[in-house]
């Protein structure tokens, strides 16, 4: 595949056409991941016996 793509959206459409996905994957922002991790660590520290 040595086609030269002018812009990223063209590549994106090409990939989506070639490999169709079942559903859109929701990308978590890094802030969301940090928040989730911190809350999990907080739970583990404060309630060591009780796990979800």
Protein backbone atom coordinates (compact mmCIF):
# COMPACT_ATOMS: atom_id res chain seq x y z
CA UNK A 1 0.00 0.00 0.00
CA UNK A 2 2.09 2.88 -1.21
CA UNK A 3 -0.68 5.41 -1.77
CA UNK A 4 0.17 8.87 -0.52
CA UNK A 5 -2.61 10.25 1.69
CA UNK A 6 -3.07 14.00 1.81
CA UNK A 7 -4.77 14.13 5.15
CA UNK A 8 -5.47 12.01 8.19
CA UNK A 9 -9.22 11.75 7.63
CA UNK A 10 -8.63 10.01 4.32
CA UNK A 11 -6.55 7.39 6.12
CA UNK A 12 -9.25 7.08 8.78
CA UNK A 13 -12.00 6.49 6.17
CA UNK A 14 -9.80 3.99 4.35
CA UNK A 15 -9.17 2.03 7.54
CA UNK A 16 -12.84 2.11 8.53
CA UNK A 17 -13.89 0.94 5.07
CA UNK A 18 -11.36 -1.88 5.13
CA UNK A 19 -11.95 -3.02 8.71
CA UNK A 20 -15.53 -2.26 9.77
CA UNK A 21 -16.05 -2.07 13.53
CA UNK A 22 -19.08 -3.35 15.39
CA UNK A 23 -19.41 -0.32 17.65
CA UNK A 24 -17.63 2.87 18.47
CA UNK A 25 -15.12 2.45 21.24
CA UNK A 26 -15.29 5.26 23.78
CA UNK A 27 -11.79 6.52 24.47
CA UNK A 28 -11.28 7.59 28.06
CA UNK A 29 -9.32 10.75 28.54
CA UNK A 30 -6.16 10.40 30.58
CA UNK A 31 -7.80 12.56 33.25
CA UNK A 32 -10.66 10.08 33.50
CA UNK A 33 -8.21 7.19 33.88
CA UNK A 34 -6.30 9.03 36.62
CA UNK A 35 -9.54 9.84 38.42
CA UNK A 36 -10.70 6.22 38.29
CA UNK A 37 -7.33 4.93 39.47
CA UNK A 38 -7.20 7.38 42.37
CA UNK A 39 -10.70 6.49 43.50
CA UNK A 40 -9.86 2.78 43.35
CA UNK A 41 -6.70 3.29 45.39
CA UNK A 42 -8.66 5.41 47.88
CA UNK A 43 -11.23 2.62 48.27
CA UNK A 44 -8.54 0.01 48.78
CA UNK A 45 -6.81 2.11 51.44
CA UNK A 46 -9.97 3.00 53.35
CA UNK A 47 -11.86 -0.28 53.04
CA UNK A 48 -9.25 -3.03 52.77
CA UNK A 49 -11.73 -5.80 53.64
CA UNK A 50 -14.60 -4.77 51.40
CA UNK A 51 -13.94 -5.15 47.69
CA UNK A 52 -16.31 -4.43 44.84
